[in-house]
Amino acid sequence: SVYYVNYADSVKGRFTISRDNAKNTMYL
């Protein structure tokens, strides 16, 4: 029911991963 995310330590706090299922697209 929710999306879980995880980041490498080197990018944590600077990068954000997300997805738009309506567009079948993931973003960074």
mmCIF file of all heavy atoms, coordinates in Angstrom:
data_MODEL
# 
_entry.id   MODEL 
# 
loop_
_atom_site.group_PDB 
_atom_site.id 
_atom_site.type_symbol 
_atom_site.label_atom_id 
_atom_site.label_alt_id 
_atom_site.label_comp_id 
_atom_site.label_asym_id 
_atom_site.label_entity_id 
_atom_site.label_seq_id 
_atom_site.pdbx_PDB_ins_code 
_atom_site.Cartn_x 
_atom_site.Cartn_y 
_atom_site.Cartn_z 
_atom_site.occupancy 
_atom_site.B_iso_or_equiv 
_atom_site.pdbx_formal_charge 
_atom_site.auth_seq_id 
_atom_site.auth_comp_id 
_atom_site.auth_asym_id 
_atom_site.auth_atom_id 
_atom_site.pdbx_PDB_model_num 
ATOM 1   N N   . SER A 1 1  ? 0.813  -1.212 0.000   1.00 0.00 ? 1  SER A N   1 
ATOM 2   C CA  . SER A 1 1  ? 0.000  0.000  0.000   1.00 0.00 ? 1  SER A CA  1 
ATOM 3   C C   . SER A 1 1  ? 0.847  1.262  0.000   1.00 0.00 ? 1  SER A C   1 
ATOM 4   O O   . SER A 1 1  ? 0.352  2.342  -0.283  1.00 0.00 ? 1  SER A O   1 
ATOM 5   C CB  . SER A 1 1  ? -0.921 0.004  1.216   1.00 0.00 ? 1  SER A CB  1 
ATOM 6   O OG  . SER A 1 1  ? -0.161 -0.077 2.410   1.00 0.00 ? 1  SER A OG  1 
ATOM 7   N N   . VAL A 1 2  ? 2.109  1.116  0.355   1.00 0.00 ? 2  VAL A N   1 
ATOM 8   C CA  . VAL A 1 2  ? 3.029  2.250  0.330   1.00 0.00 ? 2  VAL A CA  1 
ATOM 9   C C   . VAL A 1 2  ? 4.274  1.844  -0.448  1.00 0.00 ? 2  VAL A C   1 
ATOM 10  O O   . VAL A 1 2  ? 4.544  0.660  -0.640  1.00 0.00 ? 2  VAL A O   1 
ATOM 11  C CB  . VAL A 1 2  ? 3.430  2.699  1.747   1.00 0.00 ? 2  VAL A CB  1 
ATOM 12  C CG1 . VAL A 1 2  ? 2.217  3.182  2.520   1.00 0.00 ? 2  VAL A CG1 1 
ATOM 13  C CG2 . VAL A 1 2  ? 4.116  1.569  2.503   1.00 0.00 ? 2  VAL A CG2 1 
ATOM 14  N N   . TYR A 1 3  ? 5.020  2.845  -0.883  1.00 0.00 ? 3  TYR A N   1 
ATOM 15  C CA  . TYR A 1 3  ? 6.266  2.597  -1.591  1.00 0.00 ? 3  TYR A CA  1 
ATOM 16  C C   . TYR A 1 3  ? 7.422  2.777  -0.620  1.00 0.00 ? 3  TYR A C   1 
ATOM 17  O O   . TYR A 1 3  ? 7.477  3.753  0.122   1.00 0.00 ? 3  TYR A O   1 
ATOM 18  C CB  . TYR A 1 3  ? 6.420  3.545  -2.771  1.00 0.00 ? 3  TYR A CB  1 
ATOM 19  C CG  . TYR A 1 3  ? 5.492  3.230  -3.897  1.00 0.00 ? 3  TYR A CG  1 
ATOM 20  C CD1 . TYR A 1 3  ? 4.367  4.008  -4.138  1.00 0.00 ? 3  TYR A CD1 1 
ATOM 21  C CD2 . TYR A 1 3  ? 5.718  2.134  -4.729  1.00 0.00 ? 3  TYR A CD2 1 
ATOM 22  C CE1 . TYR A 1 3  ? 3.494  3.711  -5.162  1.00 0.00 ? 3  TYR A CE1 1 
ATOM 23  C CE2 . TYR A 1 3  ? 4.854  1.828  -5.755  1.00 0.00 ? 3  TYR A CE2 1 
ATOM 24  C CZ  . TYR A 1 3  ? 3.748  2.618  -5.969  1.00 0.00 ? 3  TYR A CZ  1 
ATOM 25  O OH  . TYR A 1 3  ? 2.893  2.312  -6.989  1.00 0.00 ? 3  TYR A OH  1 
ATOM 26  N N   . TYR A 1 4  ? 8.323  1.835  -0.654  1.00 0.00 ? 4  TYR A N   1 
ATOM 27  C CA  . TYR A 1 4  ? 9.518  1.904  0.172   1.00 0.00 ? 4  TYR A CA  1 
ATOM 28  C C   . TYR A 1 4  ? 10.695 2.301  -0.695  1.00 0.00 ? 4  TYR A C   1 
ATOM 29  O O   . TYR A 1 4  ? 10.798 1.866  -1.843  1.00 0.00 ? 4  TYR A O   1 
ATOM 30  C CB  . TYR A 1 4  ? 9.773  0.565  0.846   1.00 0.00 ? 4  TYR A CB  1 
ATOM 31  C CG  . TYR A 1 4  ? 8.690  0.177  1.810   1.00 0.00 ? 4  TYR A CG  1 
ATOM 32  C CD1 . TYR A 1 4  ? 7.647  -0.657 1.427   1.00 0.00 ? 4  TYR A CD1 1 
ATOM 33  C CD2 . TYR A 1 4  ? 8.695  0.667  3.115   1.00 0.00 ? 4  TYR A CD2 1 
ATOM 34  C CE1 . TYR A 1 4  ? 6.638  -1.009 2.302   1.00 0.00 ? 4  TYR A CE1 1 
ATOM 35  C CE2 . TYR A 1 4  ? 7.682  0.326  4.003   1.00 0.00 ? 4  TYR A CE2 1 
ATOM 36  C CZ  . TYR A 1 4  ? 6.663  -0.503 3.588   1.00 0.00 ? 4  TYR A CZ  1 
ATOM 37  O OH  . TYR A 1 4  ? 5.663  -0.836 4.471   1.00 0.00 ? 4  TYR A OH  1 
ATOM 38  N N   . VAL A 1 5  ? 11.579 3.125  -0.124  1.00 0.00 ? 5  VAL A N   1 
ATOM 39  C CA  . VAL A 1 5  ? 12.750 3.581  -0.861  1.00 0.00 ? 5  VAL A CA  1 
ATOM 40  C C   . VAL A 1 5  ? 14.002 3.342  -0.036  1.00 0.00 ? 5  VAL A C   1 
ATOM 41  O O   . VAL A 1 5  ? 13.944 3.190  1.185   1.00 0.00 ? 5  VAL A O   1 
ATOM 42  C CB  . VAL A 1 5  ? 12.648 5.081  -1.226  1.00 0.00 ? 5  VAL A CB  1 
ATOM 43  C CG1 . VAL A 1 5  ? 11.434 5.340  -2.129  1.00 0.00 ? 5  VAL A CG1 1 
ATOM 44  C CG2 . VAL A 1 5  ? 12.588 5.938  0.033   1.00 0.00 ? 5  VAL A CG2 1 
ATOM 45  N N   . ASN A 1 6  ? 15.107 3.300  -0.720  1.00 0.00 ? 6  ASN A N   1 
ATOM 46  C CA  . ASN A 1 6  ? 16.394 3.116  -0.063  1.00 0.00 ? 6  ASN A CA  1 
ATOM 47  C C   . ASN A 1 6  ? 17.467 3.802  -0.890  1.00 0.00 ? 6  ASN A C   1 
ATOM 48  O O   . ASN A 1 6  ? 17.363 3.846  -2.123  1.00 0.00 ? 6  ASN A O   1 
ATOM 49  C CB  . ASN A 1 6  ? 16.717 1.633  0.084   1.00 0.00 ? 6  ASN A CB  1 
ATOM 50  C CG  . ASN A 1 6  ? 17.915 1.386  0.971   1.00 0.00 ? 6  ASN A CG  1 
ATOM 51  O OD1 . ASN A 1 6  ? 19.021 1.210  0.492   1.00 0.00 ? 6  ASN A OD1 1 
ATOM 52  N ND2 . ASN A 1 6  ? 17.692 1.386  2.273   1.00 0.00 ? 6  ASN A ND2 1 
ATOM 53  N N   . TYR A 1 7  ? 18.466 4.342  -0.217  1.00 0.00 ? 7  TYR A N   1 
ATOM 54  C CA  . TYR A 1 7  ? 19.521 5.089  -0.893  1.00 0.00 ? 7  TYR A CA  1 
ATOM 55  C C   . TYR A 1 7  ? 20.899 4.625  -0.445  1.00 0.00 ? 7  TYR A C   1 
ATOM 56  O O   . TYR A 1 7  ? 21.095 4.210  0.697   1.00 0.00 ? 7  TYR A O   1 
ATOM 57  C CB  . TYR A 1 7  ? 19.398 6.587  -0.575  1.00 0.00 ? 7  TYR A CB  1 
ATOM 58  C CG  . TYR A 1 7  ? 18.107 7.218  -1.025  1.00 0.00 ? 7  TYR A CG  1 
ATOM 59  C CD1 . TYR A 1 7  ? 17.028 7.315  -0.152  1.00 0.00 ? 7  TYR A CD1 1 
ATOM 60  C CD2 . TYR A 1 7  ? 17.967 7.712  -2.317  1.00 0.00 ? 7  TYR A CD2 1 
ATOM 61  C CE1 . TYR A 1 7  ? 15.833 7.887  -0.558  1.00 0.00 ? 7  TYR A CE1 1 
ATOM 62  C CE2 . TYR A 1 7  ? 16.782 8.289  -2.734  1.00 0.00 ? 7  TYR A CE2 1 
ATOM 63  C CZ  . TYR A 1 7  ? 15.718 8.375  -1.852  1.00 0.00 ? 7  TYR A CZ  1 
ATOM 64  O OH  . TYR A 1 7  ? 14.543 8.945  -2.254  1.00 0.00 ? 7  TYR A OH  1 
ATOM 65  N N   . ALA A 1 8  ? 21.839 4.759  -1.346  1.00 0.00 ? 8  ALA A N   1 
ATOM 66  C CA  . ALA A 1 8  ? 23.229 4.582  -0.965  1.00 0.00 ? 8  ALA A CA  1 
ATOM 67  C C   . ALA A 1 8  ? 23.626 5.724  -0.035  1.00 0.00 ? 8  ALA A C   1 
ATOM 68  O O   . ALA A 1 8  ? 23.123 6.845  -0.169  1.00 0.00 ? 8  ALA A O   1 
ATOM 69  C CB  . ALA A 1 8  ? 24.119 4.574  -2.206  1.00 0.00 ? 8  ALA A CB  1 
ATOM 70  N N   . ASP A 1 9  ? 24.519 5.456  0.877   1.00 0.00 ? 9  ASP A N   1 
ATOM 71  C CA  . ASP A 1 9  ? 24.943 6.489  1.829   1.00 0.00 ? 9  ASP A CA  1 
ATOM 72  C C   . ASP A 1 9  ? 25.516 7.708  1.112   1.00 0.00 ? 9  ASP A C   1 
ATOM 73  O O   . ASP A 1 9  ? 25.357 8.842  1.573   1.00 0.00 ? 9  ASP A O   1 
ATOM 74  C CB  . ASP A 1 9  ? 25.986 5.929  2.789   1.00 0.00 ? 9  ASP A CB  1 
ATOM 75  C CG  . ASP A 1 9  ? 25.379 4.954  3.785   1.00 0.00 ? 9  ASP A CG  1 
ATOM 76  O OD1 . ASP A 1 9  ? 24.140 4.964  3.965   1.00 0.00 ? 9  ASP A OD1 1 
ATOM 77  O OD2 . ASP A 1 9  ? 26.147 4.183  4.386   1.00 0.00 ? 9  ASP A OD2 1 
ATOM 78  N N   . SER A 1 10 ? 26.166 7.478  -0.009  1.00 0.00 ? 10 SER A N   1 
ATOM 79  C CA  . SER A 1 10 ? 26.833 8.568  -0.717  1.00 0.00 ? 10 SER A CA  1 
ATOM 80  C C   . SER A 1 10 ? 25.864 9.573  -1.332  1.00 0.00 ? 10 SER A C   1 
ATOM 81  O O   . SER A 1 10 ? 26.258 10.697 -1.660  1.00 0.00 ? 10 SER A O   1 
ATOM 82  C CB  . SER A 1 10 ? 27.738 8.002  -1.811  1.00 0.00 ? 10 SER A CB  1 
ATOM 83  O OG  . SER A 1 10 ? 26.981 7.240  -2.730  1.00 0.00 ? 10 SER A OG  1 
ATOM 84  N N   . VAL A 1 11 ? 24.601 9.192  -1.484  1.00 0.00 ? 11 VAL A N   1 
ATOM 85  C CA  . VAL A 1 11 ? 23.628 10.102 -2.110  1.00 0.00 ? 11 VAL A CA  1 
ATOM 86  C C   . VAL A 1 11 ? 22.485 10.468 -1.175  1.00 0.00 ? 11 VAL A C   1 
ATOM 87  O O   . VAL A 1 11 ? 21.650 11.304 -1.527  1.00 0.00 ? 11 VAL A O   1 
ATOM 88  C CB  . VAL A 1 11 ? 23.051 9.502  -3.409  1.00 0.00 ? 11 VAL A CB  1 
ATOM 89  C CG1 . VAL A 1 11 ? 24.172 9.088  -4.360  1.00 0.00 ? 11 VAL A CG1 1 
ATOM 90  C CG2 . VAL A 1 11 ? 22.133 8.323  -3.116  1.00 0.00 ? 11 VAL A CG2 1 
ATOM 91  N N   . LYS A 1 12 ? 22.463 9.856  -0.016  1.00 0.00 ? 12 LYS A N   1 
ATOM 92  C CA  . LYS A 1 12 ? 21.374 10.103 0.930   1.00 0.00 ? 12 LYS A CA  1 
ATOM 93  C C   . LYS A 1 12 ? 21.310 11.581 1.290   1.00 0.00 ? 12 LYS A C   1 
ATOM 94  O O   . LYS A 1 12 ? 22.315 12.203 1.606   1.00 0.00 ? 12 LYS A O   1 
ATOM 95  C CB  . LYS A 1 12 ? 21.589 9.251  2.182   1.00 0.00 ? 12 LYS A CB  1 
ATOM 96  C CG  . LYS A 1 12 ? 20.349 8.999  2.987   1.00 0.00 ? 12 LYS A CG  1 
ATOM 97  C CD  . LYS A 1 12 ? 20.636 7.955  4.072   1.00 0.00 ? 12 LYS A CD  1 
ATOM 98  C CE  . LYS A 1 12 ? 20.915 6.607  3.477   1.00 0.00 ? 12 LYS A CE  1 
ATOM 99  N NZ  . LYS A 1 12 ? 21.126 5.563  4.513   1.00 0.00 ? 12 LYS A NZ  1 
ATOM 100 N N   . GLY A 1 13 ? 20.105 12.134 1.217   1.00 0.00 ? 13 GLY A N   1 
ATOM 101 C CA  . GLY A 1 13 ? 19.928 13.548 1.511   1.00 0.00 ? 13 GLY A CA  1 
ATOM 102 C C   . GLY A 1 13 ? 20.102 14.454 0.309   1.00 0.00 ? 13 GLY A C   1 
ATOM 103 O O   . GLY A 1 13 ? 19.740 15.633 0.354   1.00 0.00 ? 13 GLY A O   1 
ATOM 104 N N   . ARG A 1 14 ? 20.658 13.919 -0.773  1.00 0.00 ? 14 ARG A N   1 
ATOM 105 C CA  . ARG A 1 14 ? 20.857 14.727 -1.993  1.00 0.00 ? 14 ARG A CA  1 
ATOM 106 C C   . ARG A 1 14 ? 20.002 14.223 -3.164  1.00 0.00 ? 14 ARG A C   1 
ATOM 107 O O   . ARG A 1 14 ? 19.586 15.018 -4.000  1.00 0.00 ? 14 ARG A O   1 
ATOM 108 C CB  . ARG A 1 14 ? 22.328 14.694 -2.407  1.00 0.00 ? 14 ARG A CB  1 
ATOM 109 C CG  . ARG A 1 14 ? 23.276 15.257 -1.364  1.00 0.00 ? 14 ARG A CG  1 
ATOM 110 C CD  . ARG A 1 14 ? 24.692 15.386 -1.931  1.00 0.00 ? 14 ARG A CD  1 
ATOM 111 N NE  . ARG A 1 14 ? 25.258 14.104 -2.315  1.00 0.00 ? 14 ARG A NE  1 
ATOM 112 C CZ  . ARG A 1 14 ? 25.676 13.802 -3.553  1.00 0.00 ? 14 ARG A CZ  1 
ATOM 113 N NH1 . ARG A 1 14 ? 25.589 14.703 -4.506  1.00 0.00 ? 14 ARG A NH1 1 
ATOM 114 N NH2 . ARG A 1 14 ? 26.192 12.603 -3.814  1.00 0.00 ? 14 ARG A NH2 1 
ATOM 115 N N   . PHE A 1 15 ? 19.767 12.938 -3.213  1.00 0.00 ? 15 PHE A N   1 
ATOM 116 C CA  . PHE A 1 15 ? 19.004 12.345 -4.310  1.00 0.00 ? 15 PHE A CA  1 
ATOM 117 C C   . PHE A 1 15 ? 17.642 11.871 -3.792  1.00 0.00 ? 15 PHE A C   1 
ATOM 118 O O   . PHE A 1 15 ? 17.523 11.440 -2.644  1.00 0.00 ? 15 PHE A O   1 
ATOM 119 C CB  . PHE A 1 15 ? 19.738 11.137 -4.889  1.00 0.00 ? 15 PHE A CB  1 
ATOM 120 C CG  . PHE A 1 15 ? 20.997 11.458 -5.649  1.00 0.00 ? 15 PHE A CG  1 
ATOM 121 C CD1 . PHE A 1 15 ? 21.562 12.720 -5.633  1.00 0.00 ? 15 PHE A CD1 1 
ATOM 122 C CD2 . PHE A 1 15 ? 21.615 10.460 -6.404  1.00 0.00 ? 15 PHE A CD2 1 
ATOM 123 C CE1 . PHE A 1 15 ? 22.722 13.000 -6.334  1.00 0.00 ? 15 PHE A CE1 1 
ATOM 124 C CE2 . PHE A 1 15 ? 22.773 10.722 -7.113  1.00 0.00 ? 15 PHE A CE2 1 
ATOM 125 C CZ  . PHE A 1 15 ? 23.332 11.991 -7.074  1.00 0.00 ? 15 PHE A CZ  1 
ATOM 126 N N   . THR A 1 16 ? 16.646 11.942 -4.671  1.00 0.00 ? 16 THR A N   1 
ATOM 127 C CA  . THR A 1 16 ? 15.309 11.463 -4.342  1.00 0.00 ? 16 THR A CA  1 
ATOM 128 C C   . THR A 1 16 ? 14.780 10.606 -5.470  1.00 0.00 ? 16 THR A C   1 
ATOM 129 O O   . THR A 1 16 ? 14.749 11.048 -6.624  1.00 0.00 ? 16 THR A O   1 
ATOM 130 C CB  . THR A 1 16 ? 14.349 12.630 -4.093  1.00 0.00 ? 16 THR A CB  1 
ATOM 131 O OG1 . THR A 1 16 ? 14.847 13.462 -3.036  1.00 0.00 ? 16 THR A OG1 1 
ATOM 132 C CG2 . THR A 1 16 ? 12.969 12.106 -3.706  1.00 0.00 ? 16 THR A CG2 1 
ATOM 133 N N   . ILE A 1 17 ? 14.384 9.401  -5.142  1.00 0.00 ? 17 ILE A N   1 
ATOM 134 C CA  . ILE A 1 17 ? 13.804 8.504  -6.126  1.00 0.00 ? 17 ILE A CA  1 
ATOM 135 C C   . ILE A 1 17 ? 12.283 8.561  -5.999  1.00 0.00 ? 17 ILE A C   1 
ATOM 136 O O   . ILE A 1 17 ? 11.742 8.668  -4.899  1.00 0.00 ? 17 ILE A O   1 
ATOM 137 C CB  . ILE A 1 17 ? 14.321 7.055  -5.939  1.00 0.00 ? 17 ILE A CB  1 
ATOM 138 C CG1 . ILE A 1 17 ? 13.875 6.167  -7.094  1.00 0.00 ? 17 ILE A CG1 1 
ATOM 139 C CG2 . ILE A 1 17 ? 13.878 6.481  -4.593  1.00 0.00 ? 17 ILE A CG2 1 
ATOM 140 C CD1 . ILE A 1 17 ? 14.526 4.774  -7.071  1.00 0.00 ? 17 ILE A CD1 1 
ATOM 141 N N   . SER A 1 18 ? 11.613 8.502  -7.139  1.00 0.00 ? 18 SER A N   1 
ATOM 142 C CA  . SER A 1 18 ? 10.145 8.525  -7.127  1.00 0.00 ? 18 SER A CA  1 
ATOM 143 C C   . SER A 1 18 ? 9.640  7.832  -8.379  1.00 0.00 ? 18 SER A C   1 
ATOM 144 O O   . SER A 1 18 ? 10.423 7.499  -9.268  1.00 0.00 ? 18 SER A O   1 
ATOM 145 C CB  . SER A 1 18 ? 9.626  9.968  -7.064  1.00 0.00 ? 18 SER A CB  1 
ATOM 146 O OG  . SER A 1 18 ? 10.025 10.701 -8.211  1.00 0.00 ? 18 SER A OG  1 
ATOM 147 N N   . ARG A 1 19 ? 8.339  7.613  -8.427  1.00 0.00 ? 19 ARG A N   1 
ATOM 148 C CA  . ARG A 1 19 ? 7.771  6.982  -9.607  1.00 0.00 ? 19 ARG A CA  1 
ATOM 149 C C   . ARG A 1 19 ? 6.381  7.542  -9.856  1.00 0.00 ? 19 ARG A C   1 
ATOM 150 O O   . ARG A 1 19 ? 5.679  7.926  -8.930  1.00 0.00 ? 19 ARG A O   1 
ATOM 151 C CB  . ARG A 1 19 ? 7.733  5.462  -9.448  1.00 0.00 ? 19 ARG A CB  1 
ATOM 152 C CG  . ARG A 1 19 ? 6.865  4.954  -8.322  1.00 0.00 ? 19 ARG A CG  1 
ATOM 153 C CD  . ARG A 1 19 ? 7.098  3.466  -8.077  1.00 0.00 ? 19 ARG A CD  1 
ATOM 154 N NE  . ARG A 1 19 ? 6.792  2.672  -9.271  1.00 0.00 ? 19 ARG A NE  1 
ATOM 155 C CZ  . ARG A 1 19 ? 7.228  1.432  -9.462  1.00 0.00 ? 19 ARG A CZ  1 
ATOM 156 N NH1 . ARG A 1 19 ? 7.977  0.834  -8.553  1.00 0.00 ? 19 ARG A NH1 1 
ATOM 157 N NH2 . ARG A 1 19 ? 6.880  0.763  -10.549 1.00 0.00 ? 19 ARG A NH2 1 
ATOM 158 N N   . ASP A 1 20 ? 6.016  7.571  -11.111 1.00 0.00 ? 20 ASP A N   1 
ATOM 159 C CA  . ASP A 1 20 ? 4.679  7.987  -11.527 1.00 0.00 ? 20 ASP A CA  1 
ATOM 160 C C   . ASP A 1 20 ? 4.106  6.827  -12.322 1.00 0.00 ? 20 ASP A C   1 
ATOM 161 O O   . ASP A 1 20 ? 4.426  6.649  -13.500 1.00 0.00 ? 20 ASP A O   1 
ATOM 162 C CB  . ASP A 1 20 ? 4.761  9.262  -12.371 1.00 0.00 ? 20 ASP A CB  1 
ATOM 163 C CG  . ASP A 1 20 ? 3.396  9.794  -12.777 1.00 0.00 ? 20 ASP A CG  1 
ATOM 164 O OD1 . ASP A 1 20 ? 2.415  9.022  -12.741 1.00 0.00 ? 20 ASP A OD1 1 
ATOM 165 O OD2 . ASP A 1 20 ? 3.307  10.964 -13.136 1.00 0.00 ? 20 ASP A OD2 1 
ATOM 166 N N   . ASN A 1 21 ? 3.290  6.027  -11.675 1.00 0.00 ? 21 ASN A N   1 
ATOM 167 C CA  . ASN A 1 21 ? 2.787  4.814  -12.330 1.00 0.00 ? 21 ASN A CA  1 
ATOM 168 C C   . ASN A 1 21 ? 1.864  5.126  -13.495 1.00 0.00 ? 21 ASN A C   1 
ATOM 169 O O   . ASN A 1 21 ? 1.760  4.346  -14.437 1.00 0.00 ? 21 ASN A O   1 
ATOM 170 C CB  . ASN A 1 21 ? 2.072  3.933  -11.314 1.00 0.00 ? 21 ASN A CB  1 
ATOM 171 C CG  . ASN A 1 21 ? 3.036  3.258  -10.370 1.00 0.00 ? 21 ASN A CG  1 
ATOM 172 O OD1 . ASN A 1 21 ? 4.221  3.099  -10.672 1.00 0.00 ? 21 ASN A OD1 1 
ATOM 173 N ND2 . ASN A 1 21 ? 2.551  2.879  -9.202  1.00 0.00 ? 21 ASN A ND2 1 
ATOM 174 N N   . ALA A 1 22 ? 1.198  6.256  -13.445 1.00 0.00 ? 22 ALA A N   1 
ATOM 175 C CA  . ALA A 1 22 ? 0.330  6.631  -14.558 1.00 0.00 ? 22 ALA A CA  1 
ATOM 176 C C   . ALA A 1 22 ? 1.138  6.835  -15.836 1.00 0.00 ? 22 ALA A C   1 
ATOM 177 O O   . ALA A 1 22 ? 0.634  6.631  -16.940 1.00 0.00 ? 22 ALA A O   1 
ATOM 178 C CB  . ALA A 1 22 ? -0.443 7.894  -14.225 1.00 0.00 ? 22 ALA A CB  1 
ATOM 179 N N   . LYS A 1 23 ? 2.390  7.233  -15.656 1.00 0.00 ? 23 LYS A N   1 
ATOM 180 C CA  . LYS A 1 23 ? 3.271  7.454  -16.801 1.00 0.00 ? 23 LYS A CA  1 
ATOM 181 C C   . LYS A 1 23 ? 4.283  6.333  -16.974 1.00 0.00 ? 23 LYS A C   1 
ATOM 182 O O   . LYS A 1 23 ? 5.123  6.402  -17.871 1.00 0.00 ? 23 LYS A O   1 
ATOM 183 C CB  . LYS A 1 23 ? 4.020  8.782  -16.625 1.00 0.00 ? 23 LYS A CB  1 
ATOM 184 C CG  . LYS A 1 23 ? 3.121  10.005 -16.599 1.00 0.00 ? 23 LYS A CG  1 
ATOM 185 C CD  . LYS A 1 23 ? 3.931  11.275 -16.446 1.00 0.00 ? 23 LYS A CD  1 
ATOM 186 C CE  . LYS A 1 23 ? 3.036  12.496 -16.452 1.00 0.00 ? 23 LYS A CE  1 
ATOM 187 N NZ  . LYS A 1 23 ? 3.810  13.756 -16.296 1.00 0.00 ? 23 LYS A NZ  1 
ATOM 188 N N   . ASN A 1 24 ? 4.208  5.318  -16.109 1.00 0.00 ? 24 ASN A N   1 
ATOM 189 C CA  . ASN A 1 24 ? 5.188  4.223  -16.160 1.00 0.00 ? 24 ASN A CA  1 
ATOM 190 C C   . ASN A 1 24 ? 6.612  4.766  -16.160 1.00 0.00 ? 24 ASN A C   1 
ATOM 191 O O   . ASN A 1 24 ? 7.466  4.305  -16.920 1.00 0.00 ? 24 ASN A O   1 
ATOM 192 C CB  . ASN A 1 24 ? 4.970  3.348  -17.398 1.00 0.00 ? 24 ASN A CB  1 
ATOM 193 C CG  . ASN A 1 24 ? 3.931  2.274  -17.164 1.00 0.00 ? 24 ASN A CG  1 
ATOM 194 O OD1 . ASN A 1 24 ? 3.400  2.138  -16.066 1.00 0.00 ? 24 ASN A OD1 1 
ATOM 195 N ND2 . ASN A 1 24 ? 3.629  1.513  -18.186 1.00 0.00 ? 24 ASN A ND2 1 
ATOM 196 N N   . THR A 1 25 ? 6.853  5.716  -15.312 1.00 0.00 ? 25 THR A N   1 
ATOM 197 C CA  . THR A 1 25 ? 8.148  6.386  -15.297 1.00 0.00 ? 25 THR A CA  1 
ATOM 198 C C   . THR A 1 25 ? 8.677  6.506  -13.873 1.00 0.00 ? 25 THR A C   1 
ATOM 199 O O   . THR A 1 25 ? 7.928  6.808  -12.949 1.00 0.00 ? 25 THR A O   1 
ATOM 200 C CB  . THR A 1 25 ? 8.051  7.781  -15.929 1.00 0.00 ? 25 THR A CB  1 
ATOM 201 O OG1 . THR A 1 25 ? 7.588  7.654  -17.278 1.00 0.00 ? 25 THR A OG1 1 
ATOM 202 C CG2 . THR A 1 25 ? 9.401  8.482  -15.942 1.00 0.00 ? 25 THR A CG2 1 
ATOM 203 N N   . MET A 1 26 ? 9.966  6.264  -13.739 1.00 0.00 ? 26 MET A N   1 
ATOM 204 C CA  . MET A 1 26 ? 10.667 6.451  -12.477 1.00 0.00 ? 26 MET A CA  1 
ATOM 205 C C   . MET A 1 26 ? 11.613 7.628  -12.634 1.00 0.00 ? 26 MET A C   1 
ATOM 206 O O   . MET A 1 26 ? 12.124 7.881  -13.731 1.00 0.00 ? 26 MET A O   1 
ATOM 207 C CB  . MET A 1 26 ? 11.453 5.193  -12.118 1.00 0.00 ? 26 MET A CB  1 
ATOM 208 C CG  . MET A 1 26 ? 12.325 5.333  -10.886 1.00 0.00 ? 26 MET A CG  1 
ATOM 209 S SD  . MET A 1 26 ? 13.274 3.840  -10.515 1.00 0.00 ? 26 MET A SD  1 
ATOM 210 C CE  . MET A 1 26 ? 14.368 3.716  -11.929 1.00 0.00 ? 26 MET A CE  1 
ATOM 211 N N   . TYR A 1 27 ? 11.836 8.334  -11.549 1.00 0.00 ? 27 TYR A N   1 
ATOM 212 C CA  . TYR A 1 27 ? 12.685 9.520  -11.593 1.00 0.00 ? 27 TYR A CA  1 
ATOM 213 C C   . TYR A 1 27 ? 13.797 9.422  -10.544 1.00 0.00 ? 27 TYR A C   1 
ATOM 214 O O   . TYR A 1 27 ? 13.665 8.745  -9.533  1.00 0.00 ? 27 TYR A O   1 
ATOM 215 C CB  . TYR A 1 27 ? 11.869 10.779 -11.323 1.00 0.00 ? 27 TYR A CB  1 
ATOM 216 C CG  . TYR A 1 27 ? 10.720 10.975 -12.261 1.00 0.00 ? 27 TYR A CG  1 
ATOM 217 C CD1 . TYR A 1 27 ? 9.428  10.597 -11.902 1.00 0.00 ? 27 TYR A CD1 1 
ATOM 218 C CD2 . TYR A 1 27 ? 10.914 11.527 -13.524 1.00 0.00 ? 27 TYR A CD2 1 
ATOM 219 C CE1 . TYR A 1 27 ? 8.358  10.763 -12.767 1.00 0.00 ? 27 TYR A CE1 1 
ATOM 220 C CE2 . TYR A 1 27 ? 9.856  11.707 -14.396 1.00 0.00 ? 27 TYR A CE2 1 
ATOM 221 C CZ  . TYR A 1 27 ? 8.586  11.322 -14.013 1.00 0.00 ? 27 TYR A CZ  1 
ATOM 222 O OH  . TYR A 1 27 ? 7.534  11.493 -14.879 1.00 0.00 ? 27 TYR A OH  1 
ATOM 223 N N   . LEU A 1 28 ? 14.865 10.145 -10.813 1.00 0.00 ? 28 LEU A N   1 
ATOM 224 C CA  . LEU A 1 28 ? 15.904 10.336 -9.826  1.00 0.00 ? 28 LEU A CA  1 
ATOM 225 C C   . LEU A 1 28 ? 16.230 11.821 -9.824  1.00 0.00 ? 28 LEU A C   1 
ATOM 226 O O   . LEU A 1 28 ? 16.850 12.334 -10.765 1.00 0.00 ? 28 LEU A O   1 
ATOM 227 C CB  . LEU A 1 28 ? 17.156 9.517  -10.136 1.00 0.00 ? 28 LEU A CB  1 
ATOM 228 C CG  . LEU A 1 28 ? 18.241 9.587  -9.067  1.00 0.00 ? 28 LEU A CG  1 
ATOM 229 C CD1 . LEU A 1 28 ? 17.770 8.897  -7.780  1.00 0.00 ? 28 LEU A CD1 1 
ATOM 230 C CD2 . LEU A 1 28 ? 19.548 8.955  -9.555  1.00 0.00 ? 28 LEU A CD2 1 
# 
